[in-house]
């Protein structure tokens, strides 16, 4: 499927699944902004992609910071004036503050003990809350993208997890992770209903 002329945004796009998605879009002709907090990671990822019909553009943006997200939307509006695809991929499953979290979980007599309120707040902020505010910040650009093509649609894709369907959690992950993905799936359904009239499917 050709994505020539389309503009995409992949949050958490500098590594892992997000980078793989971005490369696939670029290989099919899209201009893809990859976002994250570490600009050097984004720049290195973008520079590594060659020989594709599209392009990958690094954009430093912290999805848990509303001002940063709005600045990202303003930046893309000034250059492209529209957005056709948003992939809410940025996420975390362990701890943003404790690099030894997984080891502590494995070593603890009670695997619930290493969990903290702050860690749950952090994980919900990036996995569930941020996708809403990304959609809100970029909705006007998505509408412009929908109006720019005969079929009249843009797309939002929220990346969930198989753990959202399972009643267990791997020991090395925070128990918050699967809960955030269940909440994200519900958010996608609610937003999908709201955005249906605007021709922006949310999946």
C-alpha atoms as a PDB file:
ATOM      1  CA  UNK A   1       0.000   0.000   0.000  1.00  0.00           C
ATOM      2  CA  UNK A   2       1.481   3.328  -1.035  1.00  0.00           C
ATOM      3  CA  UNK A   3       1.696   6.038   1.607  1.00  0.00           C
ATOM      4  CA  UNK A   4       3.254   8.538  -0.772  1.00  0.00           C
ATOM      5  CA  UNK A   5       2.373  12.097   0.191  1.00  0.00           C
ATOM      6  CA  UNK A   6       1.186  11.108   3.653  1.00  0.00           C
ATOM      7  CA  UNK A   7       2.637  12.413   6.903  1.00  0.00           C
ATOM      8  CA  UNK A   8       2.856  10.191   9.965  1.00  0.00           C
ATOM      9  CA  UNK A   9       3.856  10.540  13.600  1.00  0.00           C
ATOM     10  CA  UNK A  10       5.120   7.655  15.732  1.00  0.00           C
ATOM     11  CA  UNK A  11       5.649   8.357  19.422  1.00  0.00           C
ATOM     12  CA  UNK A  12       8.483   6.431  20.990  1.00  0.00           C
ATOM     13  CA  UNK A  13       9.664   5.972  17.426  1.00  0.00           C
ATOM     14  CA  UNK A  14      13.412   5.923  17.964  1.00  0.00           C
ATOM     15  CA  UNK A  15      13.690   2.314  19.108  1.00  0.00           C
ATOM     16  CA  UNK A  16      11.913  -1.035  19.171  1.00  0.00           C
ATOM     17  CA  UNK A  17       8.401  -1.481  17.828  1.00  0.00           C
ATOM     18  CA  UNK A  18       7.981   2.227  17.168  1.00  0.00           C
ATOM     19  CA  UNK A  19      11.069   2.393  14.974  1.00  0.00           C
ATOM     20  CA  UNK A  20       9.982  -0.716  13.092  1.00  0.00           C
ATOM     21  CA  UNK A  21       6.606   0.897  12.375  1.00  0.00           C
ATOM     22  CA  UNK A  22       8.268   4.128  11.267  1.00  0.00           C
ATOM     23  CA  UNK A  23      10.588   2.271   8.884  1.00  0.00           C
ATOM     24  CA  UNK A  24       7.645   0.411   7.351  1.00  0.00           C
ATOM     25  CA  UNK A  25       5.758   3.659   6.770  1.00  0.00           C
ATOM     26  CA  UNK A  26       8.831   5.321   5.232  1.00  0.00           C
ATOM     27  CA  UNK A  27       9.472   2.295   3.020  1.00  0.00           C
ATOM     28  CA  UNK A  28       5.984   2.813   1.607  1.00  0.00           C
ATOM     29  CA  UNK A  29       6.543   6.481   0.848  1.00  0.00           C
ATOM     30  CA  UNK A  30       5.417   8.356   3.965  1.00  0.00           C
ATOM     31  CA  UNK A  31       7.195  11.183   5.715  1.00  0.00           C
ATOM     32  CA  UNK A  32       7.355   9.989   9.316  1.00  0.00           C
ATOM     33  CA  UNK A  33       8.126  12.014  12.414  1.00  0.00           C
ATOM     34  CA  UNK A  34       9.583   9.895  15.203  1.00  0.00           C
ATOM     35  CA  UNK A  35       9.324  11.374  18.678  1.00  0.00           C
ATOM     36  CA  UNK A  36      10.948  10.773  22.023  1.00  0.00           C
ATOM     37  CA  UNK A  37      12.742  12.565  24.827  1.00  0.00           C
ATOM     38  CA  UNK A  38      16.293  11.756  23.695  1.00  0.00           C
ATOM     39  CA  UNK A  39      17.088  13.667  20.517  1.00  0.00           C
ATOM     40  CA  UNK A  40      20.372  11.831  19.932  1.00  0.00           C
ATOM     41  CA  UNK A  41      18.536   8.483  19.826  1.00  0.00           C
ATOM     42  CA  UNK A  42      16.025   9.844  17.323  1.00  0.00           C
ATOM     43  CA  UNK A  43      18.724  11.361  15.124  1.00  0.00           C
ATOM     44  CA  UNK A  44      20.732   8.141  15.103  1.00  0.00           C
ATOM     45  CA  UNK A  45      17.639   6.124  14.187  1.00  0.00           C
ATOM     46  CA  UNK A  46      16.649   8.489  11.381  1.00  0.00           C
ATOM     47  CA  UNK A  47      20.175   8.534   9.942  1.00  0.00           C
ATOM     48  CA  UNK A  48      20.249   4.732   9.819  1.00  0.00           C
ATOM     49  CA  UNK A  49      17.357   4.537   7.350  1.00  0.00           C
ATOM     50  CA  UNK A  50      18.421   4.867   3.726  1.00  0.00           C
ATOM     51  CA  UNK A  51      17.163   3.758   0.346  1.00  0.00           C
ATOM     52  CA  UNK A  52      13.464   4.286   1.073  1.00  0.00           C
ATOM     53  CA  UNK A  53      10.956   6.324  -0.899  1.00  0.00           C
ATOM     54  CA  UNK A  54       9.769   8.181   2.187  1.00  0.00           C
ATOM     55  CA  UNK A  55      11.685   9.806   5.016  1.00  0.00           C
ATOM     56  CA  UNK A  56      12.101   9.699   8.784  1.00  0.00           C
ATOM     57  CA  UNK A  57      12.381  12.969  10.692  1.00  0.00           C
ATOM     58  CA  UNK A  58      13.481  13.170  14.348  1.00  0.00           C
ATOM     59  CA  UNK A  59      11.301  15.361  16.577  1.00  0.00           C
ATOM     60  CA  UNK A  60      12.105  15.734  20.253  1.00  0.00           C
ATOM     61  CA  UNK A  61       8.820  15.556  22.157  1.00  0.00           C
ATOM     62  CA  UNK A  62       7.881  14.314  25.617  1.00  0.00           C
ATOM     63  CA  UNK A  63       4.368  12.872  25.408  1.00  0.00           C
ATOM     64  CA  UNK A  64       3.904  13.236  29.175  1.00  0.00           C
ATOM     65  CA  UNK A  65       4.500  16.994  28.904  1.00  0.00           C
ATOM     66  CA  UNK A  66       1.483  18.799  27.486  1.00  0.00           C
ATOM     67  CA  UNK A  67       3.484  21.850  26.398  1.00  0.00           C
ATOM     68  CA  UNK A  68       6.030  19.660  24.609  1.00  0.00           C
ATOM     69  CA  UNK A  69       3.242  17.830  22.778  1.00  0.00           C
ATOM     70  CA  UNK A  70       1.577  21.068  21.719  1.00  0.00           C
ATOM     71  CA  UNK A  71       4.940  22.383  20.516  1.00  0.00           C
ATOM     72  CA  UNK A  72       5.342  19.239  18.410  1.00  0.00           C
ATOM     73  CA  UNK A  73       1.948  19.820  16.822  1.00  0.00           C
ATOM     74  CA  UNK A  74       2.811  23.450  16.103  1.00  0.00           C
ATOM     75  CA  UNK A  75       6.106  22.394  14.510  1.00  0.00           C
ATOM     76  CA  UNK A  76       4.451  19.917  12.136  1.00  0.00           C
ATOM     77  CA  UNK A  77       1.660  22.364  11.331  1.00  0.00           C
ATOM     78  CA  UNK A  78       4.231  24.952  10.284  1.00  0.00           C
ATOM     79  CA  UNK A  79       6.041  22.538   7.965  1.00  0.00           C
ATOM     80  CA  UNK A  80       3.425  20.124   6.617  1.00  0.00           C
ATOM     81  CA  UNK A  81       0.101  21.655   7.581  1.00  0.00           C
ATOM     82  CA  UNK A  82      -1.509  18.256   8.110  1.00  0.00           C
ATOM     83  CA  UNK A  83      -1.067  14.801   9.598  1.00  0.00           C
ATOM     84  CA  UNK A  84      -2.443  11.557   8.185  1.00  0.00           C
ATOM     85  CA  UNK A  85      -1.401   8.919  10.715  1.00  0.00           C
ATOM     86  CA  UNK A  86      -0.663   9.014  14.444  1.00  0.00           C
ATOM     87  CA  UNK A  87       0.730   5.950  16.185  1.00  0.00           C
ATOM     88  CA  UNK A  88       0.671   6.189  19.969  1.00  0.00           C
ATOM     89  CA  UNK A  89       3.478   3.744  20.648  1.00  0.00           C
ATOM     90  CA  UNK A  90       5.446   5.350  23.498  1.00  0.00           C
ATOM     91  CA  UNK A  91       5.181   3.196  26.589  1.00  0.00           C
ATOM     92  CA  UNK A  92       6.956   1.648  29.529  1.00  0.00           C
ATOM     93  CA  UNK A  93       6.482  -1.541  31.505  1.00  0.00           C
ATOM     94  CA  UNK A  94       8.864  -1.412  34.469  1.00  0.00           C
ATOM     95  CA  UNK A  95      10.132   1.765  36.128  1.00  0.00           C
ATOM     96  CA  UNK A  96      11.255   5.079  34.694  1.00  0.00           C
ATOM     97  CA  UNK A  97      13.110   5.960  37.892  1.00  0.00           C
ATOM     98  CA  UNK A  98      14.628   2.721  39.187  1.00  0.00           C
ATOM     99  CA  UNK A  99      16.957   0.854  36.792  1.00  0.00           C
ATOM    100  CA  UNK A 100      17.091  -2.060  39.261  1.00  0.00           C
ATOM    101  CA  UNK A 101      13.308  -2.490  39.383  1.00  0.00           C
ATOM    102  CA  UNK A 102      13.228  -5.830  37.538  1.00  0.00           C
ATOM    103  CA  UNK A 103      16.029  -7.282  39.675  1.00  0.00           C
ATOM    104  CA  UNK A 104      14.258  -6.167  42.844  1.00  0.00           C
ATOM    105  CA  UNK A 105      11.025  -7.783  41.679  1.00  0.00           C
ATOM    106  CA  UNK A 106      12.792 -11.069  40.988  1.00  0.00           C
ATOM    107  CA  UNK A 107      14.654 -11.043  44.309  1.00  0.00           C
ATOM    108  CA  UNK A 108      11.781  -9.934  46.530  1.00  0.00           C
ATOM    109  CA  UNK A 109       9.997 -12.446  48.737  1.00  0.00           C
ATOM    110  CA  UNK A 110       6.877 -10.425  47.951  1.00  0.00           C
ATOM    111  CA  UNK A 111       6.969  -9.293  44.293  1.00  0.00           C
ATOM    112  CA  UNK A 112       4.445  -6.561  45.121  1.00  0.00           C
ATOM    113  CA  UNK A 113       6.881  -4.860  47.477  1.00  0.00           C
ATOM    114  CA  UNK A 114       9.024  -3.029  44.858  1.00  0.00           C
ATOM    115  CA  UNK A 115       5.915  -1.357  43.394  1.00  0.00           C
ATOM    116  CA  UNK A 116       5.480   2.317  44.291  1.00  0.00           C
ATOM    117  CA  UNK A 117       2.684   4.840  43.863  1.00  0.00           C
ATOM    118  CA  UNK A 118       5.008   7.066  41.837  1.00  0.00           C
ATOM    119  CA  UNK A 119       5.868   4.224  39.479  1.00  0.00           C
ATOM    120  CA  UNK A 120       2.185   3.536  38.829  1.00  0.00           C
ATOM    121  CA  UNK A 121       1.622   7.241  38.172  1.00  0.00           C
ATOM    122  CA  UNK A 122       4.551   7.314  35.738  1.00  0.00           C
ATOM    123  CA  UNK A 123       3.372   4.266  33.802  1.00  0.00           C
ATOM    124  CA  UNK A 124      -0.230   5.435  33.556  1.00  0.00           C
ATOM    125  CA  UNK A 125       1.001   8.868  32.456  1.00  0.00           C
ATOM    126  CA  UNK A 126       2.926   7.543  29.473  1.00  0.00           C
ATOM    127  CA  UNK A 127       0.830   4.481  28.537  1.00  0.00           C
ATOM    128  CA  UNK A 128      -2.725   5.762  28.971  1.00  0.00           C
ATOM    129  CA  UNK A 129      -2.914   9.480  29.672  1.00  0.00           C
ATOM    130  CA  UNK A 130      -0.391  10.599  27.041  1.00  0.00           C
ATOM    131  CA  UNK A 131      -2.229   9.014  24.073  1.00  0.00           C
ATOM    132  CA  UNK A 132      -5.317  11.094  24.874  1.00  0.00           C
ATOM    133  CA  UNK A 133      -3.370  14.344  24.968  1.00  0.00           C
ATOM    134  CA  UNK A 134      -1.449  13.440  21.805  1.00  0.00           C
ATOM    135  CA  UNK A 135      -4.744  12.903  19.969  1.00  0.00           C
ATOM    136  CA  UNK A 136      -6.109  16.150  21.356  1.00  0.00           C
ATOM    137  CA  UNK A 137      -2.993  18.116  20.355  1.00  0.00           C
ATOM    138  CA  UNK A 138      -2.891  16.741  16.812  1.00  0.00           C
ATOM    139  CA  UNK A 139      -6.617  16.436  16.061  1.00  0.00           C
ATOM    140  CA  UNK A 140      -6.792  19.576  13.912  1.00  0.00           C
ATOM    141  CA  UNK A 141      -3.894  18.305  11.780  1.00  0.00           C
ATOM    142  CA  UNK A 142      -5.561  14.905  11.467  1.00  0.00           C
ATOM    143  CA  UNK A 143      -8.748  16.580  10.264  1.00  0.00           C
ATOM    144  CA  UNK A 144      -6.724  18.500   7.664  1.00  0.00           C
ATOM    145  CA  UNK A 145      -5.126  15.233   6.605  1.00  0.00           C
ATOM    146  CA  UNK A 146      -8.536  13.623   6.194  1.00  0.00           C
ATOM    147  CA  UNK A 147      -9.700  16.522   4.038  1.00  0.00           C
ATOM    148  CA  UNK A 148      -6.603  16.325   1.838  1.00  0.00           C
ATOM    149  CA  UNK A 149      -7.527  13.009   0.203  1.00  0.00           C
ATOM    150  CA  UNK A 150     -10.517  11.739  -1.785  1.00  0.00           C
ATOM    151  CA  UNK A 151     -11.234   8.960   0.730  1.00  0.00           C
ATOM    152  CA  UNK A 152     -11.347  11.576   3.470  1.00  0.00           C
ATOM    153  CA  UNK A 153      -9.862   9.692   6.412  1.00  0.00           C
ATOM    154  CA  UNK A 154      -6.868   9.900   8.720  1.00  0.00           C
ATOM    155  CA  UNK A 155      -5.936   7.263  11.299  1.00  0.00           C
ATOM    156  CA  UNK A 156      -4.924   6.967  14.940  1.00  0.00           C
ATOM    157  CA  UNK A 157      -3.377   3.687  16.063  1.00  0.00           C
ATOM    158  CA  UNK A 158      -2.906   3.051  19.780  1.00  0.00           C
ATOM    159  CA  UNK A 159      -0.445   0.261  20.546  1.00  0.00           C
ATOM    160  CA  UNK A 160      -1.812  -2.082  23.212  1.00  0.00           C
ATOM    161  CA  UNK A 161      -0.479  -5.418  24.490  1.00  0.00           C
ATOM    162  CA  UNK A 162      -1.571  -9.017  24.717  1.00  0.00           C
ATOM    163  CA  UNK A 163      -1.287  -8.623  28.482  1.00  0.00           C
ATOM    164  CA  UNK A 164      -4.445  -6.520  28.368  1.00  0.00           C
ATOM    165  CA  UNK A 165      -6.305  -9.794  27.710  1.00  0.00           C
ATOM    166  CA  UNK A 166      -4.514 -11.890  30.339  1.00  0.00           C
ATOM    167  CA  UNK A 167      -5.132 -12.227  34.069  1.00  0.00           C
ATOM    168  CA  UNK A 168      -1.449 -12.383  34.931  1.00  0.00           C
ATOM    169  CA  UNK A 169       1.663 -10.242  34.703  1.00  0.00           C
ATOM    170  CA  UNK A 170       5.297 -11.305  34.194  1.00  0.00           C
ATOM    171  CA  UNK A 171       7.236 -10.877  37.428  1.00  0.00           C
ATOM    172  CA  UNK A 172       9.768  -8.446  35.965  1.00  0.00           C
ATOM    173  CA  UNK A 173       7.069  -5.994  34.844  1.00  0.00           C
ATOM    174  CA  UNK A 174       5.129  -3.560  36.961  1.00  0.00           C
ATOM    175  CA  UNK A 175       1.609  -4.751  37.676  1.00  0.00           C
ATOM    176  CA  UNK A 176       0.516  -1.346  36.445  1.00  0.00           C
ATOM    177  CA  UNK A 177       1.466  -2.206  32.860  1.00  0.00           C
ATOM    178  CA  UNK A 178      -1.410  -4.517  31.932  1.00  0.00           C
ATOM    179  CA  UNK A 179      -3.869  -2.191  33.672  1.00  0.00           C
ATOM    180  CA  UNK A 180      -2.674   0.738  31.566  1.00  0.00           C
ATOM    181  CA  UNK A 181      -3.196  -1.252  28.385  1.00  0.00           C
ATOM    182  CA  UNK A 182      -6.728  -2.282  29.370  1.00  0.00           C
ATOM    183  CA  UNK A 183      -7.460   1.386  30.025  1.00  0.00           C
ATOM    184  CA  UNK A 184      -5.902   2.356  26.682  1.00  0.00           C
ATOM    185  CA  UNK A 185      -8.167  -0.068  24.825  1.00  0.00           C
ATOM    186  CA  UNK A 186     -11.216   1.450  26.506  1.00  0.00           C
ATOM    187  CA  UNK A 187      -9.948   4.938  25.715  1.00  0.00           C
ATOM    188  CA  UNK A 188      -9.560   3.915  22.072  1.00  0.00           C
ATOM    189  CA  UNK A 189     -13.190   2.776  21.938  1.00  0.00           C
ATOM    190  CA  UNK A 190     -14.480   5.975  23.525  1.00  0.00           C
ATOM    191  CA  UNK A 191     -12.347   8.223  21.313  1.00  0.00           C
ATOM    192  CA  UNK A 192     -13.245   6.113  18.286  1.00  0.00           C
ATOM    193  CA  UNK A 193     -16.922   6.854  18.828  1.00  0.00           C
ATOM    194  CA  UNK A 194     -16.206  10.558  19.260  1.00  0.00           C
ATOM    195  CA  UNK A 195     -14.001  10.813  16.172  1.00  0.00           C
ATOM    196  CA  UNK A 196     -16.129   8.664  13.849  1.00  0.00           C
ATOM    197  CA  UNK A 197     -18.022  11.721  12.614  1.00  0.00           C
ATOM    198  CA  UNK A 198     -14.696  13.362  11.750  1.00  0.00           C
ATOM    199  CA  UNK A 199     -13.604  10.430   9.567  1.00  0.00           C
ATOM    200  CA  UNK A 200     -10.695   9.585  11.846  1.00  0.00           C
ATOM    201  CA  UNK A 201     -10.759   5.898  12.838  1.00  0.00           C
ATOM    202  CA  UNK A 202      -9.081   5.221  16.182  1.00  0.00           C
ATOM    203  CA  UNK A 203      -7.867   1.687  16.682  1.00  0.00           C
END
